[in-house]
Amino acid sequence: MKENNLKLNKNYSITEKLAQLVIQTVVIEADERNTPVSVAVADYGGHLVAFKRMDGA
């Protein structure tokens, strides 16, 4: 197996601000494709951090 220099981040949480950025990015892409989506962002433990449902999704 090839060695890399990536380090595991042992803090498996995601901030609400970062979760909203993920959602905004997905919504922009969905708008460009004319495809309404529902987006959920969860932390490592599977707990919901943020959610967005577009009209028509």
Protein backbone atom coordinates (compact mmCIF):
# COMPACT_ATOMS: atom_id res chain seq x y z
CA MET A 1 0.00 0.00 0.00
CA LYS A 2 1.32 3.43 -0.96
CA GLU A 3 2.17 5.70 1.97
CA ASN A 4 0.82 9.26 1.97
CA ASN A 5 1.31 12.29 4.16
CA LEU A 6 -2.37 12.73 5.03
CA LYS A 7 -3.08 12.91 8.73
CA LEU A 8 -6.29 11.63 10.25
CA ASN A 9 -8.26 14.38 11.94
CA LYS A 10 -9.45 12.85 15.19
CA ASN A 11 -12.08 15.55 15.67
CA TYR A 12 -14.95 14.03 13.70
CA SER A 13 -17.33 16.96 14.12
CA ILE A 14 -18.45 19.44 11.47
CA THR A 15 -19.41 23.00 12.25
CA GLU A 16 -22.83 24.36 11.35
CA LYS A 17 -21.09 26.99 9.22
CA LEU A 18 -19.24 24.35 7.19
CA ALA A 19 -22.41 22.26 6.88
CA GLN A 20 -24.25 25.29 5.45
CA LEU A 21 -21.41 25.83 2.97
CA VAL A 22 -21.75 22.23 1.81
CA ILE A 23 -25.50 22.71 1.38
CA GLN A 24 -25.05 25.97 -0.55
CA THR A 25 -22.59 24.26 -2.90
CA VAL A 26 -24.96 21.36 -3.55
CA VAL A 27 -27.94 23.68 -4.11
CA ILE A 28 -25.98 25.78 -6.62
CA GLU A 29 -25.05 22.63 -8.56
CA ALA A 30 -28.63 21.34 -8.41
CA ASP A 31 -29.94 24.68 -9.72
CA GLU A 32 -27.50 24.53 -12.63
CA ARG A 33 -28.80 21.04 -13.47
CA ASN A 34 -32.47 22.03 -12.94
CA THR A 35 -32.77 19.18 -10.45
CA PRO A 36 -34.37 19.90 -7.07
CA VAL A 37 -32.73 17.98 -4.23
CA SER A 38 -32.88 17.43 -0.51
CA VAL A 39 -29.52 17.72 1.22
CA ALA A 40 -28.62 16.40 4.65
CA VAL A 41 -25.25 16.92 6.34
CA ALA A 42 -24.44 14.67 9.27
CA ASP A 43 -21.46 14.38 11.57
CA TYR A 44 -19.31 11.28 11.96
CA GLY A 45 -21.79 9.80 14.43
CA GLY A 46 -24.68 10.22 12.00
CA HIS A 47 -26.26 13.16 13.85
CA LEU A 48 -27.97 15.70 11.62
CA VAL A 49 -26.10 19.01 11.48
CA ALA A 50 -28.00 20.75 8.66
CA PHE A 51 -30.76 20.00 6.17
CA LYS A 52 -32.27 21.76 3.13
CA ARG A 53 -35.14 20.69 0.90
CA MET A 54 -35.54 22.53 -2.37
CA ASP A 55 -39.04 23.21 -3.72
CA GLY A 56 -40.15 20.27 -5.84
CA ALA A 57 -37.72 17.81 -4.31
